[in-house]
PDB file of N, CA and C in Angstrom:
ATOM      1  N   ALA A   1       5.741  -4.887 -20.735  1.00  0.00           N
ATOM      2  CA  ALA A   1       5.603  -4.696 -19.217  1.00  0.00           C
ATOM      3  C   ALA A   1       5.062  -3.204 -19.053  1.00  0.00           C
ATOM      4  N   GLN A   2       5.557  -2.222 -19.770  1.00  0.00           N
ATOM      5  CA  GLN A   2       5.307  -0.903 -19.536  1.00  0.00           C
ATOM      6  C   GLN A   2       3.690  -0.634 -19.881  1.00  0.00           C
ATOM      7  N   LEU A   3       3.233  -1.377 -20.869  1.00  0.00           N
ATOM      8  CA  LEU A   3       1.755  -1.219 -21.135  1.00  0.00           C
ATOM      9  C   LEU A   3       0.915  -1.783 -20.011  1.00  0.00           C
ATOM     10  N   GLN A   4       1.328  -2.953 -19.584  1.00  0.00           N
ATOM     11  CA  GLN A   4       0.662  -3.624 -18.502  1.00  0.00           C
ATOM     12  C   GLN A   4       0.698  -2.674 -17.177  1.00  0.00           C
ATOM     13  N   HIS A   5       1.827  -2.094 -16.969  1.00  0.00           N
ATOM     14  CA  HIS A   5       1.983  -1.084 -15.846  1.00  0.00           C
ATOM     15  C   HIS A   5       0.984  -0.066 -15.941  1.00  0.00           C
ATOM     16  N   LYS A   6       0.879   0.515 -17.190  1.00  0.00           N
ATOM     17  CA  LYS A   6      -0.082   1.709 -17.363  1.00  0.00           C
ATOM     18  C   LYS A   6      -1.543   1.227 -17.219  1.00  0.00           C
ATOM     19  N   LEU A   7      -1.823   0.131 -17.731  1.00  0.00           N
ATOM     20  CA  LEU A   7      -3.243  -0.432 -17.607  1.00  0.00           C
ATOM     21  C   LEU A   7      -3.602  -0.747 -16.172  1.00  0.00           C
ATOM     22  N   LEU A   8      -2.709  -1.401 -15.467  1.00  0.00           N
ATOM     23  CA  LEU A   8      -2.989  -1.493 -13.990  1.00  0.00           C
ATOM     24  C   LEU A   8      -3.149  -0.315 -13.281  1.00  0.00           C
ATOM     25  N   ASN A   9      -2.447   0.715 -13.575  1.00  0.00           N
ATOM     26  CA  ASN A   9      -2.548   2.134 -12.891  1.00  0.00           C
ATOM     27  C   ASN A   9      -3.830   2.620 -13.230  1.00  0.00           C
ATOM     28  N   ILE A  10      -4.376   2.517 -14.422  1.00  0.00           N
ATOM     29  CA  ILE A  10      -5.666   2.999 -14.830  1.00  0.00           C
ATOM     30  C   ILE A  10      -6.668   2.323 -14.193  1.00  0.00           C
ATOM     31  N   HIS A  11      -6.568   1.008 -14.036  1.00  0.00           N
ATOM     32  CA  HIS A  11      -7.563   0.052 -13.441  1.00  0.00           C
ATOM     33  C   HIS A  11      -7.589   0.608 -11.871  1.00  0.00           C
ATOM     34  N   ALA A  12      -6.441   0.751 -11.219  1.00  0.00           N
ATOM     35  CA  ALA A  12      -6.450   1.099  -9.828  1.00  0.00           C
ATOM     36  C   ALA A  12      -7.115   2.545  -9.681  1.00  0.00           C
ATOM     37  N   LEU A  13      -6.807   3.453 -10.497  1.00  0.00           N
ATOM     38  CA  LEU A  13      -7.303   4.828 -10.395  1.00  0.00           C
ATOM     39  C   LEU A  13      -8.896   4.693 -10.524  1.00  0.00           C
ATOM     40  N   LEU A  14      -9.432   4.075 -11.470  1.00  0.00           N
ATOM     41  CA  LEU A  14     -10.891   3.897 -11.674  1.00  0.00           C
ATOM     42  C   LEU A  14     -11.535   3.313 -10.492  1.00  0.00           C
ATOM     43  N   ASP A  15     -10.916   2.259  -9.941  1.00  0.00           N
ATOM     44  CA  ASP A  15     -11.486   1.632  -8.636  1.00  0.00           C
ATOM     45  C   ASP A  15     -11.363   2.717  -7.503  1.00  0.00           C
ATOM     46  N   TYR A  16     -10.358   3.420  -7.466  1.00  0.00           N
ATOM     47  CA  TYR A  16     -10.221   4.552  -6.341  1.00  0.00           C
ATOM     48  C   TYR A  16     -11.349   5.589  -6.581  1.00  0.00           C
ATOM     49  N   ILE A  17     -11.645   5.969  -7.778  1.00  0.00           N
ATOM     50  CA  ILE A  17     -12.598   6.973  -7.962  1.00  0.00           C
ATOM     51  C   ILE A  17     -13.955   6.397  -7.769  1.00  0.00           C
ATOM     52  N   GLU A  18     -14.201   5.201  -8.161  1.00  0.00           N
ATOM     53  CA  GLU A  18     -15.616   4.705  -8.018  1.00  0.00           C
ATOM     54  C   GLU A  18     -15.911   4.240  -6.600  1.00  0.00           C
ATOM     55  N   PHE A  19     -15.024   3.607  -5.796  1.00  0.00           N
ATOM     56  CA  PHE A  19     -15.129   3.003  -4.613  1.00  0.00           C
ATOM     57  C   PHE A  19     -14.526   3.524  -3.373  1.00  0.00           C
ATOM     58  N   VAL A  20     -13.305   4.017  -3.453  1.00  0.00           N
ATOM     59  CA  VAL A  20     -12.674   4.519  -2.354  1.00  0.00           C
ATOM     60  C   VAL A  20     -12.964   5.957  -2.042  1.00  0.00           C
ATOM     61  N   HIS A  21     -12.821   6.927  -3.018  1.00  0.00           N
ATOM     62  CA  HIS A  21     -12.952   8.295  -2.788  1.00  0.00           C
ATOM     63  C   HIS A  21     -14.336   8.587  -2.172  1.00  0.00           C
ATOM     64  N   PRO A  22     -15.407   8.121  -2.620  1.00  0.00           N
ATOM     65  CA  PRO A  22     -16.614   8.499  -2.111  1.00  0.00           C
ATOM     66  C   PRO A  22     -16.605   8.164  -0.538  1.00  0.00           C
ATOM     67  N   LEU A  23     -16.073   7.010  -0.158  1.00  0.00           N
ATOM     68  CA  LEU A  23     -16.109   6.582   1.204  1.00  0.00           C
ATOM     69  C   LEU A  23     -15.070   7.543   2.055  1.00  0.00           C
ATOM     70  N   LEU A  24     -14.083   8.109   1.480  1.00  0.00           N
ATOM     71  CA  LEU A  24     -13.135   8.859   2.202  1.00  0.00           C
ATOM     72  C   LEU A  24     -13.834  10.339   2.411  1.00  0.00           C
ATOM     73  N   ARG A  25     -14.731  10.668   1.404  1.00  0.00           N
ATOM     74  CA  ARG A  25     -15.374  11.996   1.614  1.00  0.00           C
ATOM     75  C   ARG A  25     -16.414  11.975   2.627  1.00  0.00           C
ATOM     76  N   THR A  26     -17.169  10.871   2.629  1.00  0.00           N
ATOM     77  CA  THR A  26     -18.219  10.614   3.685  1.00  0.00           C
ATOM     78  C   THR A  26     -18.023   9.348   4.275  1.00  0.00           C
ATOM     79  N   PRO A  27     -17.189   9.314   5.340  1.00  0.00           N
ATOM     80  CA  PRO A  27     -16.749   8.050   5.999  1.00  0.00           C
ATOM     81  C   PRO A  27     -17.998   7.338   6.646  1.00  0.00           C
ATOM     82  N   LEU A  28     -17.949   6.032   6.735  1.00  0.00           N
ATOM     83  CA  LEU A  28     -18.917   5.198   7.459  1.00  0.00           C
ATOM     84  C   LEU A  28     -18.577   5.243   8.958  1.00  0.00           C
ATOM     85  N   SER A  29     -19.598   4.829   9.734  1.00  0.00           N
ATOM     86  CA  SER A  29     -19.532   4.712  11.094  1.00  0.00           C
ATOM     87  C   SER A  29     -18.819   3.350  11.565  1.00  0.00           C
ATOM     88  N   HIS A  30     -18.896   2.517  10.573  1.00  0.00           N
ATOM     89  CA  HIS A  30     -18.283   1.138  10.801  1.00  0.00           C
ATOM     90  C   HIS A  30     -17.410   0.765   9.605  1.00  0.00           C
ATOM     91  N   PRO A  31     -16.326  -0.086   9.792  1.00  0.00           N
ATOM     92  CA  PRO A  31     -15.524  -0.479   8.697  1.00  0.00           C
ATOM     93  C   PRO A  31     -16.183  -1.414   7.729  1.00  0.00           C
ATOM     94  N   LEU A  32     -16.000  -1.199   6.404  1.00  0.00           N
ATOM     95  CA  LEU A  32     -16.400  -2.279   5.452  1.00  0.00           C
ATOM     96  C   LEU A  32     -15.536  -3.470   5.430  1.00  0.00           C
ATOM     97  N   SER A  33     -15.969  -4.513   4.964  1.00  0.00           N
ATOM     98  CA  SER A  33     -15.171  -5.747   4.915  1.00  0.00           C
ATOM     99  C   SER A  33     -13.827  -5.512   3.819  1.00  0.00           C
ATOM    100  N   ILE A  34     -12.968  -5.890   4.036  1.00  0.00           N
ATOM    101  CA  ILE A  34     -11.682  -5.760   3.142  1.00  0.00           C
ATOM    102  C   ILE A  34     -12.059  -6.301   1.772  1.00  0.00           C
ATOM    103  N   ASN A  35     -11.628  -5.463   0.755  1.00  0.00           N
ATOM    104  CA  ASN A  35     -11.663  -5.905  -0.641  1.00  0.00           C
ATOM    105  C   ASN A  35     -10.457  -6.742  -0.928  1.00  0.00           C
ATOM    106  N   GLY A  36     -10.548  -8.091  -1.051  1.00  0.00           N
ATOM    107  CA  GLY A  36      -9.562  -8.905  -1.379  1.00  0.00           C
ATOM    108  C   GLY A  36      -8.881  -8.808  -2.785  1.00  0.00           C
ATOM    109  N   ASN A  37      -9.615  -8.059  -3.631  1.00  0.00           N
ATOM    110  CA  ASN A  37      -8.995  -7.884  -5.004  1.00  0.00           C
ATOM    111  C   ASN A  37      -7.864  -6.730  -4.950  1.00  0.00           C
ATOM    112  N   TRP A  38      -7.871  -5.946  -3.925  1.00  0.00           N
ATOM    113  CA  TRP A  38      -6.970  -4.766  -3.901  1.00  0.00           C
ATOM    114  C   TRP A  38      -5.781  -5.247  -3.128  1.00  0.00           C
ATOM    115  N   MET A  39      -4.603  -4.773  -3.666  1.00  0.00           N
ATOM    116  CA  MET A  39      -3.371  -4.944  -2.996  1.00  0.00           C
ATOM    117  C   MET A  39      -3.247  -4.311  -1.699  1.00  0.00           C
ATOM    118  N   GLY A  40      -3.691  -3.052  -1.618  1.00  0.00           N
ATOM    119  CA  GLY A  40      -3.676  -2.230  -0.423  1.00  0.00           C
ATOM    120  C   GLY A  40      -2.615  -1.244  -0.437  1.00  0.00           C
ATOM    121  N   CYS A  41      -2.202  -0.750   0.712  1.00  0.00           N
ATOM    122  CA  CYS A  41      -1.123   0.237   0.787  1.00  0.00           C
ATOM    123  C   CYS A  41      -0.425   0.157   2.187  1.00  0.00           C
ATOM    124  N   PHE A  42       0.705   0.824   2.220  1.00  0.00           N
ATOM    125  CA  PHE A  42       1.514   1.042   3.496  1.00  0.00           C
ATOM    126  C   PHE A  42       1.414   2.475   3.773  1.00  0.00           C
ATOM    127  N   THR A  43       1.344   2.782   5.043  1.00  0.00           N
ATOM    128  CA  THR A  43       1.405   4.162   5.434  1.00  0.00           C
ATOM    129  C   THR A  43       2.052   4.366   6.803  1.00  0.00           C
ATOM    130  N   ASN A  44       2.580   5.600   7.093  1.00  0.00           N
ATOM    131  CA  ASN A  44       2.991   5.768   8.468  1.00  0.00           C
ATOM    132  C   ASN A  44       2.001   6.776   9.126  1.00  0.00           C
ATOM    133  N   SER A  45       0.930   7.083   8.622  1.00  0.00           N
ATOM    134  CA  SER A  45      -0.006   8.064   9.201  1.00  0.00           C
ATOM    135  C   SER A  45      -1.226   7.283   9.723  1.00  0.00           C
ATOM    136  N   THR A  46      -1.471   7.480  11.094  1.00  0.00           N
ATOM    137  CA  THR A  46      -2.602   6.789  11.585  1.00  0.00           C
ATOM    138  C   THR A  46      -3.978   7.301  11.117  1.00  0.00           C
ATOM    139  N   GLU A  47      -3.979   8.622  10.625  1.00  0.00           N
ATOM    140  CA  GLU A  47      -5.233   9.136  10.193  1.00  0.00           C
ATOM    141  C   GLU A  47      -5.446   8.469   8.789  1.00  0.00           C
ATOM    142  N   VAL A  48      -4.556   8.293   8.004  1.00  0.00           N
ATOM    143  CA  VAL A  48      -4.700   7.755   6.571  1.00  0.00           C
ATOM    144  C   VAL A  48      -5.010   6.208   6.795  1.00  0.00           C
ATOM    145  N   CYS A  49      -4.366   5.605   7.833  1.00  0.00           N
ATOM    146  CA  CYS A  49      -4.640   4.216   8.006  1.00  0.00           C
ATOM    147  C   CYS A  49      -6.082   3.913   8.382  1.00  0.00           C
ATOM    148  N   GLU A  50      -6.606   4.706   9.291  1.00  0.00           N
ATOM    149  CA  GLU A  50      -7.880   4.647   9.737  1.00  0.00           C
ATOM    150  C   GLU A  50      -8.954   4.902   8.671  1.00  0.00           C
ATOM    151  N   ALA A  51      -8.790   5.893   7.810  1.00  0.00           N
ATOM    152  CA  ALA A  51      -9.628   6.175   6.747  1.00  0.00           C
ATOM    153  C   ALA A  51      -9.665   5.144   5.699  1.00  0.00           C
ATOM    154  N   LEU A  52      -8.581   4.582   5.361  1.00  0.00           N
ATOM    155  CA  LEU A  52      -8.568   3.544   4.363  1.00  0.00           C
ATOM    156  C   LEU A  52      -9.245   2.328   4.949  1.00  0.00           C
ATOM    157  N   TYR A  53      -8.883   1.972   6.230  1.00  0.00           N
ATOM    158  CA  TYR A  53      -9.456   0.839   6.883  1.00  0.00           C
ATOM    159  C   TYR A  53     -10.926   0.842   6.900  1.00  0.00           C
ATOM    160  N   PHE A  54     -11.563   1.998   7.119  1.00  0.00           N
ATOM    161  CA  PHE A  54     -12.953   2.110   7.078  1.00  0.00           C
ATOM    162  C   PHE A  54     -13.622   1.997   5.748  1.00  0.00           C
ATOM    163  N   ALA A  55     -12.791   2.318   4.733  1.00  0.00           N
ATOM    164  CA  ALA A  55     -13.172   2.298   3.309  1.00  0.00           C
ATOM    165  C   ALA A  55     -13.063   0.832   2.776  1.00  0.00           C
ATOM    166  N   GLY A  56     -12.498  -0.062   3.540  1.00  0.00           N
ATOM    167  CA  GLY A  56     -12.405  -1.563   3.021  1.00  0.00           C
ATOM    168  C   GLY A  56     -11.061  -1.731   2.326  1.00  0.00           C
ATOM    169  N   VAL A  57     -10.115  -0.735   2.312  1.00  0.00           N
ATOM    170  CA  VAL A  57      -8.854  -0.991   1.698  1.00  0.00           C
ATOM    171  C   VAL A  57      -7.904  -1.684   2.605  1.00  0.00           C
ATOM    172  N   PRO A  58      -7.210  -2.811   2.154  1.00  0.00           N
ATOM    173  CA  PRO A  58      -6.225  -3.439   2.952  1.00  0.00           C
ATOM    174  C   PRO A  58      -5.082  -2.412   3.276  1.00  0.00           C
ATOM    175  N   VAL A  59      -4.657  -2.192   4.454  1.00  0.00           N
ATOM    176  CA  VAL A  59      -3.745  -1.098   4.837  1.00  0.00           C
ATOM    177  C   VAL A  59      -2.846  -1.706   5.999  1.00  0.00           C
ATOM    178  N   TRP A  60      -1.558  -1.318   5.895  1.00  0.00           N
ATOM    179  CA  TRP A  60      -0.504  -1.675   6.831  1.00  0.00           C
ATOM    180  C   TRP A  60       0.015  -0.351   7.332  1.00  0.00           C
ATOM    181  N   LEU A  61       0.028  -0.264   8.793  1.00  0.00           N
ATOM    182  CA  LEU A  61       0.538   0.828   9.382  1.00  0.00           C
ATOM    183  C   LEU A  61       1.953   0.639   9.751  1.00  0.00           C
ATOM    184  N   VAL A  62       2.880   1.359   9.208  1.00  0.00           N
ATOM    185  CA  VAL A  62       4.337   1.190   9.341  1.00  0.00           C
ATOM    186  C   VAL A  62       4.808   2.220  10.399  1.00  0.00           C
ATOM    187  N   HIS A  63       5.185   1.782  11.565  1.00  0.00           N
ATOM    188  CA  HIS A  63       5.655   2.630  12.706  1.00  0.00           C
ATOM    189  C   HIS A  63       6.767   2.082  13.441  1.00  0.00           C
ATOM    190  N   SER A  64       7.660   2.873  14.097  1.00  0.00           N
ATOM    191  CA  SER A  64       8.479   2.403  15.086  1.00  0.00           C
ATOM    192  C   SER A  64       7.801   1.986  16.364  1.00  0.00           C
ATOM    193  N   GLU A  65       8.188   1.036  17.065  1.00  0.00           N
ATOM    194  CA  GLU A  65       7.389   0.598  18.205  1.00  0.00           C
ATOM    195  C   GLU A  65       7.282   1.833  19.161  1.00  0.00           C
ATOM    196  N   ALA A  66       8.204   2.809  19.181  1.00  0.00           N
ATOM    197  CA  ALA A  66       8.131   3.776  20.097  1.00  0.00           C
ATOM    198  C   ALA A  66       6.903   4.705  19.836  1.00  0.00           C
ATOM    199  N   TYR A  67       6.416   4.808  18.644  1.00  0.00           N
ATOM    200  CA  TYR A  67       5.301   5.674  18.254  1.00  0.00           C
ATOM    201  C   TYR A  67       3.935   4.880  18.371  1.00  0.00           C
ATOM    202  N   ILE A  68       3.875   3.814  18.870  1.00  0.00           N
ATOM    203  CA  ILE A  68       2.570   3.023  18.886  1.00  0.00           C
ATOM    204  C   ILE A  68       2.023   3.208  20.316  1.00  0.00           C
ATOM    205  N   SER A  69       0.823   3.753  20.296  1.00  0.00           N
ATOM    206  CA  SER A  69       0.171   4.178  21.600  1.00  0.00           C
ATOM    207  C   SER A  69      -0.397   2.836  22.339  1.00  0.00           C
ATOM    208  N   LEU A  70      -0.494   3.003  23.505  1.00  0.00           N
ATOM    209  CA  LEU A  70      -0.965   1.850  24.358  1.00  0.00           C
ATOM    210  C   LEU A  70      -2.399   1.361  24.064  1.00  0.00           C
ATOM    211  N   THR A  71      -3.184   2.202  23.415  1.00  0.00           N
ATOM    212  CA  THR A  71      -4.649   1.949  23.106  1.00  0.00           C
ATOM    213  C   THR A  71      -4.745   1.412  21.773  1.00  0.00           C
ATOM    214  N   MET A  72      -3.620   1.447  20.913  1.00  0.00           N
ATOM    215  CA  MET A  72      -3.667   0.834  19.532  1.00  0.00           C
ATOM    216  C   MET A  72      -3.796  -0.622  19.670  1.00  0.00           C
ATOM    217  N   ASN A  73      -4.676  -1.272  18.884  1.00  0.00           N
ATOM    218  CA  ASN A  73      -4.740  -2.693  18.832  1.00  0.00           C
ATOM    219  C   ASN A  73      -3.941  -3.175  17.681  1.00  0.00           C
ATOM    220  N   VAL A  74      -2.870  -3.867  17.871  1.00  0.00           N
ATOM    221  CA  VAL A  74      -1.943  -4.506  16.961  1.00  0.00           C
ATOM    222  C   VAL A  74      -2.144  -5.933  16.852  1.00  0.00           C
ATOM    223  N   VAL A  75      -2.720  -6.334  15.652  1.00  0.00           N
ATOM    224  CA  VAL A  75      -2.896  -7.646  15.434  1.00  0.00           C
ATOM    225  C   VAL A  75      -1.695  -8.612  15.287  1.00  0.00           C
ATOM    226  N   HIS A  76      -0.764  -8.038  14.349  1.00  0.00           N
ATOM    227  CA  HIS A  76       0.444  -8.801  14.136  1.00  0.00           C
ATOM    228  C   HIS A  76       1.550  -7.748  14.056  1.00  0.00           C
ATOM    229  N   SER A  77       2.648  -8.031  14.822  1.00  0.00           N
ATOM    230  CA  SER A  77       3.831  -7.183  14.641  1.00  0.00           C
ATOM    231  C   SER A  77       4.608  -7.913  13.702  1.00  0.00           C
ATOM    232  N   VAL A  78       5.189  -7.164  12.667  1.00  0.00           N
ATOM    233  CA  VAL A  78       6.052  -7.642  11.748  1.00  0.00           C
ATOM    234  C   VAL A  78       7.425  -6.945  11.573  1.00  0.00           C
ATOM    235  N   GLY A  79       8.462  -7.642  11.629  1.00  0.00           N
ATOM    236  CA  GLY A  79       9.733  -7.003  11.332  1.00  0.00           C
ATOM    237  C   GLY A  79      10.012  -6.718   9.886  1.00  0.00           C
ATOM    238  N   LEU A  80      10.565  -5.519   9.588  1.00  0.00           N
ATOM    239  CA  LEU A  80      10.804  -5.325   8.118  1.00  0.00           C
ATOM    240  C   LEU A  80      12.217  -6.027   7.813  1.00  0.00           C
ATOM    241  N   THR A  81      12.181  -6.461   6.509  1.00  0.00           N
ATOM    242  CA  THR A  81      13.484  -6.961   5.961  1.00  0.00           C
ATOM    243  C   THR A  81      13.823  -6.141   4.765  1.00  0.00           C
ATOM    244  N   TYR A  82      15.088  -6.067   4.353  1.00  0.00           N
ATOM    245  CA  TYR A  82      15.419  -5.168   3.383  1.00  0.00           C
ATOM    246  C   TYR A  82      16.324  -6.126   2.308  1.00  0.00           C
ATOM    247  N   PRO A  83      15.784  -6.608   1.250  1.00  0.00           N
ATOM    248  CA  PRO A  83      16.348  -7.418   0.294  1.00  0.00           C
ATOM    249  C   PRO A  83      17.160  -6.553  -0.720  1.00  0.00           C
ATOM    250  N   ASP A  84      17.794  -5.501  -0.310  1.00  0.00           N
ATOM    251  CA  ASP A  84      18.505  -4.523  -1.275  1.00  0.00           C
ATOM    252  C   ASP A  84      19.571  -5.188  -2.138  1.00  0.00           C
ATOM    253  N   GLU A  85      20.269  -6.107  -1.545  1.00  0.00           N
ATOM    254  CA  GLU A  85      21.363  -6.743  -2.232  1.00  0.00           C
ATOM    255  C   GLU A  85      20.796  -7.716  -3.337  1.00  0.00           C
ATOM    256  N   ILE A  86      19.615  -8.225  -3.053  1.00  0.00           N
ATOM    257  CA  ILE A  86      19.025  -9.263  -4.015  1.00  0.00           C
ATOM    258  C   ILE A  86      18.488  -8.448  -5.218  1.00  0.00           C
ATOM    259  N   VAL A  87      17.560  -7.416  -5.035  1.00  0.00           N
ATOM    260  CA  VAL A  87      17.082  -6.576  -6.077  1.00  0.00           C
ATOM    261  C   VAL A  87      18.043  -5.763  -6.782  1.00  0.00           C
ATOM    262  N   ARG A  88      19.010  -5.143  -6.121  1.00  0.00           N
ATOM    263  CA  ARG A  88      19.971  -4.369  -6.778  1.00  0.00           C
ATOM    264  C   ARG A  88      20.945  -5.243  -7.693  1.00  0.00           C
ATOM    265  N   ALA A  89      21.277  -6.411  -7.165  1.00  0.00           N
ATOM    266  CA  ALA A  89      22.246  -7.250  -7.834  1.00  0.00           C
ATOM    267  C   ALA A  89      21.566  -7.833  -9.155  1.00  0.00           C
ATOM    268  N   MET A  90      20.275  -8.089  -9.153  1.00  0.00           N
ATOM    269  CA  MET A  90      19.535  -8.578 -10.372  1.00  0.00           C
ATOM    270  C   MET A  90      19.495  -7.579 -11.416  1.00  0.00           C
ATOM    271  N   TYR A  91      19.315  -6.276 -11.076  1.00  0.00           N
ATOM    272  CA  TYR A  91      19.098  -5.190 -12.092  1.00  0.00           C
ATOM    273  C   TYR A  91      20.085  -4.174 -12.368  1.00  0.00           C
ATOM    274  N   MET A  92      21.224  -4.134 -11.807  1.00  0.00           N
ATOM    275  CA  MET A  92      22.100  -3.197 -11.849  1.00  0.00           C
ATOM    276  C   MET A  92      23.059  -3.294 -13.109  1.00  0.00           C
ATOM    277  N   GLU A  93      23.142  -2.198 -13.863  1.00  0.00           N
ATOM    278  CA  GLU A  93      24.010  -2.133 -15.050  1.00  0.00           C
ATOM    279  C   GLU A  93      24.889  -0.833 -14.811  1.00  0.00           C
ATOM    280  N   ASN A  94      26.195  -0.946 -14.522  1.00  0.00           N
ATOM    281  CA  ASN A  94      27.064   0.166 -14.440  1.00  0.00           C
ATOM    282  C   ASN A  94      26.511   1.161 -13.294  1.00  0.00           C
ATOM    283  N   GLY A  95      26.012   0.553 -12.214  1.00  0.00           N
ATOM    284  CA  GLY A  95      25.550   1.269 -11.057  1.00  0.00           C
ATOM    285  C   GLY A  95      24.137   1.941 -11.298  1.00  0.00           C
ATOM    286  N   VAL A  96      23.553   1.552 -12.241  1.00  0.00           N
ATOM    287  CA  VAL A  96      22.107   2.106 -12.573  1.00  0.00           C
ATOM    288  C   VAL A  96      21.111   0.936 -12.553  1.00  0.00           C
ATOM    289  N   ALA A  97      19.997   1.054 -11.767  1.00  0.00           N
ATOM    290  CA  ALA A  97      18.972   0.093 -11.800  1.00  0.00           C
ATOM    291  C   ALA A  97      18.189   0.045 -12.981  1.00  0.00           C
ATOM    292  N   LYS A  98      18.104  -1.085 -13.816  1.00  0.00           N
ATOM    293  CA  LYS A  98      17.291  -1.168 -15.068  1.00  0.00           C
ATOM    294  C   LYS A  98      16.626  -2.409 -14.874  1.00  0.00           C
ATOM    295  N   PRO A  99      15.412  -2.427 -14.293  1.00  0.00           N
ATOM    296  CA  PRO A  99      14.569  -3.686 -14.239  1.00  0.00           C
ATOM    297  C   PRO A  99      13.996  -4.227 -15.405  1.00  0.00           C
ATOM    298  N   PHE A 100      13.847  -3.470 -16.436  1.00  0.00           N
ATOM    299  CA  PHE A 100      13.212  -3.835 -17.787  1.00  0.00           C
ATOM    300  C   PHE A 100      14.208  -3.624 -18.886  1.00  0.00           C
ATOM    301  N   PRO A 101      14.377  -4.445 -19.828  1.00  0.00           N
ATOM    302  CA  PRO A 101      15.062  -4.119 -21.017  1.00  0.00           C
ATOM    303  C   PRO A 101      14.392  -3.101 -21.815  1.00  0.00           C
ATOM    304  N   SER A 102      15.220  -2.326 -22.540  1.00  0.00           N
ATOM    305  CA  SER A 102      14.693  -1.197 -23.468  1.00  0.00           C
ATOM    306  C   SER A 102      14.265  -2.024 -24.706  1.00  0.00           C
ATOM    307  N   ILE A 103      13.106  -1.479 -25.286  1.00  0.00           N
ATOM    308  CA  ILE A 103      12.553  -2.104 -26.410  1.00  0.00           C
ATOM    309  C   ILE A 103      12.717  -1.119 -27.580  1.00  0.00           C
TER     310      ILE A 103
END
């Protein structure tokens, strides 16, 4: 699992260097179509959200309703859920989260 994690990180970094970074340095005047192969990201910064959106990265803006301006176009409002008890219960050993067994 750790090797797979490292390889996926390397693959993501190479995609970022090849596709996203150039578009962030010289932004386009219109957004690219979303790359469905990327998982995307969550951010609470409207500037980061807009830059990634124009680069074709799937992005979710996480904000309290109080901070959303009236001019912002919200397609879907989603409530956050916190499955802490599920995740922690599955991987806790003596109060320490250990999602993967030691090899």
